[in-house]
Amino acid sequence: MKKALLVSLIALPGLLAAQSVIYTDDFESYTAGDMIAASDGTNWSTWSAAPGGTEDAAVSSAWALSGSNSLAIISTSAANGGPTDLLLKLGDKTAGIYNLSFSLYIPAGKGGYFNLQHHENITPPEYAIDVTFTADGNAAVVTTGTTSVPIGTYPHGEWFSVSMDIDLGATTSSLVVASNPAYTWASNTSSNVTTLNNQIGSIDFYAYAGGTDLGEMYIDDLTYTDNTSIGVTETAGTVLGAYPNPTRDAVTVTLAAPLSTSATVQLRDVTGSLVSAPLKVDGNKISTDLRSVPAGVYFLRVTDGAVQAVNRLVKN
């Protein structure tokens, strides 16, 4: 019989300042219609390095997870995609452990796409992973060559989470879309070149749906963190999914294996501060009720012996 264990929020050494937020944005400081790369050239650019042009993405009030704004990635050409082709600069990192998380909304009948680049300067481009959300509700990735690998489904007409963990030291990466199991790949692979660079440089949000359908994708509550001091090298094999995520109240995180009675579970906000919210562990499931905390992005951290994992939760 499984025993339900209420886990206290005990701060472990090294976890108080474990997470360093490199960049986070809910796009509420902008006015609908503002072009993001033209407004913030420090963090954003476009594929052709032309902020303010047709590749730039507009802040939109059409859909939002938190507040009233998000970023709109909308295509006008189904066959080739575009013109929106937006880059978020990730700093050409060659060492450390990083998490890049955001929420997406794709209307019914539309799709979406993004890719991770090994460099900020994408001339020439070097693709680390391509992720396509087709208009039929399926998600697929390409990490080597042209082989497309299905990774699950995604919901139309509602917000869902995307989270990538990249461990450059261990040369491992993982991607979790909605409540699907994690997809893992080596951080030094590329789908278009043979020279393998173990580096992350930028993420490209391109208005595309992978075929003859139009791309229309909205991005909200984006967070890019340095998790090096946590040592989260087993996230992909530990965290299988969180549902519902985003949530308005309760959320359950499913793990690959049951936790021991000595495991520690913490809920923290994007600044790394400890959040007081009820946490319950039952075997390989962790449940938390977020009704008492403000809307926003949170991180559930699990430490069980040598295994450590982080999962991003969104409260709306």
Protein backbone atom coordinates (compact mmCIF):
# COMPACT_ATOMS: atom_id res chain seq x y z
CA MET A 1 0.00 0.00 0.00
CA LYS A 2 1.32 3.45 -0.89
CA LYS A 3 1.76 5.91 1.90
CA ALA A 4 0.90 9.54 1.32
CA LEU A 5 3.68 11.76 2.63
CA LEU A 6 3.26 15.48 3.29
CA VAL A 7 6.61 17.02 2.41
CA SER A 8 7.82 20.02 4.37
CA LEU A 9 9.50 22.89 2.54
CA ILE A 10 12.99 22.41 3.94
CA ALA A 11 15.72 24.49 2.33
CA LEU A 12 18.66 22.28 1.35
CA PRO A 13 22.22 23.66 1.20
CA GLY A 14 22.99 24.94 -2.29
CA LEU A 15 19.37 25.28 -3.32
CA LEU A 16 18.61 28.70 -1.86
CA ALA A 17 20.44 30.41 -4.70
CA ALA A 18 20.36 27.43 -7.03
CA GLN A 19 18.62 29.09 -9.92
CA SER A 20 19.80 32.22 -11.70
CA VAL A 21 17.25 33.86 -13.97
CA ILE A 22 18.97 35.05 -17.15
CA TYR A 23 15.83 36.40 -18.80
CA THR A 24 12.11 36.30 -18.10
CA ASP A 25 9.19 38.14 -19.70
CA ASP A 26 5.40 38.04 -19.58
CA PHE A 27 5.23 40.88 -22.16
CA GLU A 28 3.06 43.02 -19.91
CA SER A 29 5.47 45.97 -20.06
CA TYR A 30 4.71 46.45 -23.75
CA THR A 31 1.73 47.84 -25.63
CA ALA A 32 -0.12 45.59 -28.07
CA GLY A 33 1.39 46.22 -31.49
CA ASP A 34 4.93 46.83 -30.23
CA MET A 35 7.56 44.86 -32.15
CA ILE A 36 9.57 42.89 -29.62
CA ALA A 37 13.01 42.89 -31.30
CA ALA A 38 12.71 46.60 -32.11
CA SER A 39 11.70 47.26 -28.48
CA ASP A 40 14.32 45.00 -26.84
CA GLY A 41 17.33 44.51 -29.07
CA THR A 42 19.41 43.28 -26.15
CA ASN A 43 17.53 39.98 -25.90
CA TRP A 44 15.71 39.68 -29.24
CA SER A 45 16.59 39.83 -32.93
CA THR A 46 15.30 38.29 -36.15
CA TRP A 47 16.64 35.67 -38.55
CA SER A 48 17.98 38.36 -40.88
CA ALA A 49 19.02 40.64 -38.01
CA ALA A 50 16.36 43.18 -38.98
CA PRO A 51 14.38 44.23 -35.88
CA GLY A 52 11.25 46.21 -36.73
CA GLY A 53 10.90 44.55 -40.13
CA THR A 54 8.49 41.89 -41.35
CA GLU A 55 10.37 39.14 -39.44
CA ASP A 56 9.84 40.86 -36.10
CA ALA A 57 6.99 39.65 -33.85
CA ALA A 58 4.27 41.88 -32.48
CA VAL A 59 3.09 41.94 -28.91
CA SER A 60 -0.55 40.85 -29.03
CA SER A 61 -3.59 41.12 -26.78
CA ALA A 62 -5.50 38.45 -28.73
CA TRP A 63 -4.52 35.72 -26.25
CA ALA A 64 -2.65 35.72 -22.95
CA LEU A 65 -1.89 33.23 -20.21
CA SER A 66 -1.06 35.83 -17.58
CA GLY A 67 -2.03 39.47 -17.84
CA SER A 68 -3.26 40.62 -21.24
CA ASN A 69 -0.28 40.27 -23.62
CA SER A 70 1.66 37.58 -25.44
CA LEU A 71 3.92 37.36 -28.52
CA ALA A 72 2.26 36.54 -31.85
CA ILE A 73 4.09 34.32 -34.36
CA ILE A 74 1.78 34.39 -37.39
CA SER A 75 2.37 33.21 -40.97
CA THR A 76 0.84 34.53 -44.17
CA SER A 77 2.35 31.84 -46.40
CA ALA A 78 1.45 28.22 -45.70
CA ALA A 79 3.95 26.50 -47.99
CA ASN A 80 7.13 28.16 -46.76
CA GLY A 81 6.01 29.89 -43.58
CA GLY A 82 6.84 33.39 -42.48
CA PRO A 83 7.30 36.22 -42.52
CA THR A 84 7.65 36.23 -38.69
CA ASP A 85 11.06 34.75 -37.84
CA LEU A 86 12.07 35.80 -34.34
CA LEU A 87 15.28 35.01 -32.42
CA LEU A 88 15.78 35.01 -28.66
CA LYS A 89 19.47 35.30 -27.83
CA LEU A 90 20.70 32.65 -25.38
CA GLY A 91 24.29 33.82 -24.98
CA ASP A 92 26.38 31.21 -26.83
CA LYS A 93 26.70 29.06 -23.72
CA THR A 94 29.39 26.37 -23.86
CA ALA A 95 29.23 25.10 -20.26
CA GLY A 96 26.58 24.73 -17.57
CA ILE A 97 22.99 23.55 -17.20
CA TYR A 98 20.12 25.67 -18.53
CA ASN A 99 16.34 25.60 -18.68
CA LEU A 100 14.27 27.43 -21.27
CA SER A 101 10.53 27.33 -20.62
CA PHE A 102 7.49 29.06 -22.06
CA SER A 103 3.79 28.54 -22.72
CA LEU A 104 2.18 28.30 -26.15
CA TYR A 105 -1.32 28.84 -27.51
CA ILE A 106 -2.21 27.56 -30.98
CA PRO A 107 -5.75 28.17 -32.32
CA ALA A 108 -7.74 25.34 -33.89
CA GLY A 109 -6.70 24.55 -37.44
CA LYS A 110 -3.30 26.23 -37.07
CA GLY A 111 0.19 25.01 -36.18
CA GLY A 112 3.52 26.29 -34.91
CA TYR A 113 7.27 25.78 -35.00
CA PHE A 114 10.54 26.65 -33.29
CA ASN A 115 14.14 25.53 -33.51
CA LEU A 116 17.14 25.75 -31.21
CA GLN A 117 20.34 27.11 -32.77
CA HIS A 118 23.87 26.39 -31.61
CA HIS A 119 24.88 30.04 -32.18
CA GLU A 120 23.46 33.52 -31.74
CA ASN A 121 24.93 34.44 -35.11
CA ILE A 122 22.97 32.12 -37.37
CA THR A 123 25.04 32.82 -40.50
CA PRO A 124 25.20 30.01 -41.39
CA PRO A 125 22.52 28.35 -39.24
CA GLU A 126 23.29 25.28 -37.17
CA TYR A 127 20.13 23.54 -35.95
CA ALA A 128 20.26 21.72 -32.62
CA ILE A 129 16.59 20.64 -32.70
CA ASP A 130 13.51 21.46 -34.79
CA VAL A 131 10.09 21.25 -33.13
CA THR A 132 6.93 21.32 -35.25
CA PHE A 133 3.33 21.53 -34.08
CA THR A 134 1.19 20.42 -36.99
CA ALA A 135 -2.37 21.61 -37.49
CA ASP A 136 -3.73 18.12 -36.68
CA GLY A 137 -2.54 18.45 -33.07
CA ASN A 138 0.68 16.43 -33.25
CA ALA A 139 4.19 17.45 -32.20
CA ALA A 140 7.38 16.12 -33.79
CA VAL A 141 11.11 16.85 -33.61
CA VAL A 142 14.20 16.56 -35.82
CA THR A 143 17.65 16.38 -34.22
CA THR A 144 19.74 14.60 -36.84
CA GLY A 145 19.36 14.54 -40.61
CA THR A 146 15.78 14.83 -41.82
CA THR A 147 14.21 12.12 -39.68
CA SER A 148 11.10 13.46 -37.94
CA VAL A 149 10.27 11.81 -34.60
CA PRO A 150 6.72 12.06 -33.15
CA ILE A 151 6.79 13.08 -29.48
CA GLY A 152 3.06 13.26 -28.69
CA THR A 153 0.13 15.60 -29.06
CA TYR A 154 -0.70 19.12 -27.98
CA PRO A 155 -4.05 20.82 -27.31
CA HIS A 156 -5.54 23.38 -29.65
CA GLY A 157 -7.31 26.38 -28.19
CA GLU A 158 -5.65 26.26 -24.76
CA TRP A 159 -2.29 27.13 -23.26
CA PHE A 160 0.28 24.36 -22.85
CA SER A 161 3.83 24.35 -21.51
CA VAL A 162 7.14 23.74 -23.26
CA SER A 163 10.33 23.14 -21.27
CA MET A 164 13.88 22.36 -22.39
CA ASP A 165 16.72 21.32 -20.09
CA ILE A 166 20.20 21.48 -21.60
CA ASP A 167 23.19 20.05 -19.72
CA LEU A 168 26.29 21.02 -21.72
CA GLY A 169 28.61 19.23 -19.29
CA ALA A 170 26.84 15.88 -19.69
CA THR A 171 26.02 16.64 -23.36
CA THR A 172 22.35 15.83 -22.75
CA SER A 173 19.14 17.69 -23.47
CA SER A 174 15.47 17.07 -22.85
CA LEU A 175 12.23 18.54 -24.14
CA VAL A 176 8.83 18.26 -22.48
CA VAL A 177 5.73 19.42 -24.40
CA ALA A 178 2.43 19.61 -22.49
CA SER A 179 2.01 16.36 -20.51
CA ASN A 180 3.97 14.16 -22.93
CA PRO A 181 6.99 12.14 -21.74
CA ALA A 182 10.34 13.87 -22.08
CA TYR A 183 12.16 13.57 -25.40
CA THR A 184 15.95 13.41 -24.98
CA TRP A 185 18.80 14.11 -27.36
CA ALA A 186 22.52 14.92 -27.25
CA SER A 187 23.22 18.64 -26.92
CA ASN A 188 25.99 18.51 -29.54
CA THR A 189 23.94 17.08 -32.41
CA SER A 190 22.76 18.99 -35.46
CA SER A 191 20.22 18.29 -38.19
CA ASN A 192 22.04 20.20 -40.93
CA VAL A 193 25.82 20.14 -40.32
CA THR A 194 28.41 17.49 -39.52
CA THR A 195 30.54 19.70 -37.25
CA LEU A 196 29.13 19.12 -33.77
CA ASN A 197 29.17 22.10 -31.42
CA ASN A 198 28.18 21.57 -27.79
CA GLN A 199 26.72 25.05 -27.43
CA ILE A 200 23.37 26.87 -27.25
CA GLY A 201 23.10 30.22 -28.95
CA SER A 202 19.49 31.15 -29.73
CA ILE A 203 15.95 29.92 -30.20
CA ASP A 204 14.09 30.73 -33.41
CA PHE A 205 10.31 31.13 -33.35
CA TYR A 206 9.21 30.80 -36.98
CA ALA A 207 5.67 31.22 -38.31
CA TYR A 208 5.21 27.77 -39.82
CA ALA A 209 3.03 24.68 -39.41
CA GLY A 210 5.10 22.05 -41.19
CA GLY A 211 3.02 21.75 -44.34
CA THR A 212 0.16 23.40 -46.17
CA ASP A 213 -1.47 24.87 -43.05
CA LEU A 214 -0.85 28.32 -41.64
CA GLY A 215 1.20 28.85 -38.51
CA GLU A 216 -0.32 30.88 -35.70
CA MET A 217 1.32 30.58 -32.30
CA TYR A 218 1.32 32.80 -29.21
CA ILE A 219 4.10 32.80 -26.60
CA ASP A 220 3.71 33.85 -22.97
CA ASP A 221 5.54 33.61 -19.63
CA LEU A 222 8.97 32.83 -21.05
CA THR A 223 11.80 32.08 -18.60
CA TYR A 224 15.47 31.27 -19.26
CA THR A 225 17.47 30.15 -16.22
CA ASP A 226 20.95 28.98 -15.33
CA ASN A 227 20.53 25.83 -13.21
CA THR A 228 24.22 24.91 -13.06
CA SER A 229 24.48 25.10 -9.28
CA ILE A 230 21.56 22.70 -8.86
CA GLY A 231 23.27 20.01 -10.88
CA VAL A 232 20.02 18.98 -12.57
CA THR A 233 21.40 16.28 -14.82
CA GLU A 234 18.60 13.75 -14.47
CA THR A 235 15.54 15.86 -15.17
CA ALA A 236 14.77 14.07 -18.42
CA GLY A 237 14.80 10.65 -16.84
CA THR A 238 13.01 11.72 -13.69
CA VAL A 239 10.15 14.02 -14.65
CA LEU A 240 7.63 12.50 -17.02
CA GLY A 241 5.00 15.22 -17.10
CA ALA A 242 2.79 17.67 -15.25
CA TYR A 243 -0.96 17.99 -15.64
CA PRO A 244 -2.85 20.17 -16.01
CA ASN A 245 -0.10 22.64 -16.80
CA PRO A 246 -0.93 25.54 -16.99
CA THR A 247 -3.42 25.28 -14.13
CA ARG A 248 -5.76 27.48 -12.13
CA ASP A 249 -5.57 25.41 -8.95
CA ALA A 250 -4.12 21.91 -8.51
CA VAL A 251 -1.36 20.29 -10.56
CA THR A 252 0.20 16.81 -10.42
CA VAL A 253 3.78 15.99 -11.48
CA THR A 254 4.47 12.37 -12.41
CA LEU A 255 7.96 10.93 -11.89
CA ALA A 256 9.63 7.88 -13.39
CA ALA A 257 10.05 6.19 -10.01
CA PRO A 258 8.61 6.56 -6.49
CA LEU A 259 10.38 8.94 -4.13
CA SER A 260 11.93 7.78 -0.90
CA THR A 261 10.73 9.05 2.47
CA SER A 262 13.86 11.24 2.68
CA ALA A 263 13.07 13.10 -0.54
CA THR A 264 12.70 16.87 -0.41
CA VAL A 265 10.25 18.75 -2.61
CA GLN A 266 10.28 22.52 -2.95
CA LEU A 267 8.21 25.06 -4.84
CA ARG A 268 10.03 28.24 -5.88
CA ASP A 269 9.21 31.27 -8.01
CA VAL A 270 11.33 32.66 -10.86
CA THR A 271 13.50 34.62 -8.43
CA GLY A 272 14.39 31.44 -6.55
CA SER A 273 12.33 32.36 -3.48
CA LEU A 274 10.61 29.57 -1.58
CA VAL A 275 6.81 29.53 -2.02
CA SER A 276 4.49 28.27 0.69
CA ALA A 277 1.97 25.96 -0.94
CA PRO A 278 0.71 22.52 0.10
CA LEU A 279 2.75 19.68 -1.41
CA LYS A 280 1.82 16.02 -1.25
CA VAL A 281 3.87 13.03 -2.38
CA ASP A 282 2.19 9.71 -3.14
CA GLY A 283 4.59 7.22 -4.67
CA ASN A 284 5.74 8.67 -7.97
CA LYS A 285 3.25 11.55 -7.98
CA ILE A 286 3.61 15.00 -6.46
CA SER A 287 0.51 17.17 -6.11
CA THR A 288 0.37 20.83 -5.21
CA ASP A 289 -2.48 23.30 -4.84
CA LEU A 290 -1.60 26.70 -6.30
CA ARG A 291 -4.85 28.50 -5.51
CA SER A 292 -3.20 30.46 -2.71
CA VAL A 293 -0.34 31.84 -4.84
CA PRO A 294 -0.46 34.61 -7.47
CA ALA A 295 -0.59 33.81 -11.18
CA GLY A 296 2.85 33.27 -12.65
CA VAL A 297 5.64 30.77 -13.31
CA TYR A 298 6.91 28.41 -10.59
CA PHE A 299 9.46 25.61 -10.37
CA LEU A 300 8.94 22.34 -8.50
CA ARG A 301 12.31 21.01 -7.33
CA VAL A 302 12.82 17.43 -6.22
CA THR A 303 15.90 16.10 -4.42
CA ASP A 304 16.09 12.40 -3.63
CA GLY A 305 19.60 11.26 -2.86
CA ALA A 306 21.76 11.84 -5.94
CA VAL A 307 18.74 12.50 -8.14
CA GLN A 308 17.61 16.08 -8.61
CA ALA A 309 14.92 17.37 -10.96
CA VAL A 310 13.13 20.59 -11.78
CA ASN A 311 9.70 20.96 -13.39
CA ARG A 312 8.15 24.24 -14.51
CA LEU A 313 4.56 24.96 -13.46
CA VAL A 314 2.35 27.78 -14.70
CA LYS A 315 -0.49 29.22 -12.61
CA ASN A 316 -3.06 31.34 -14.45
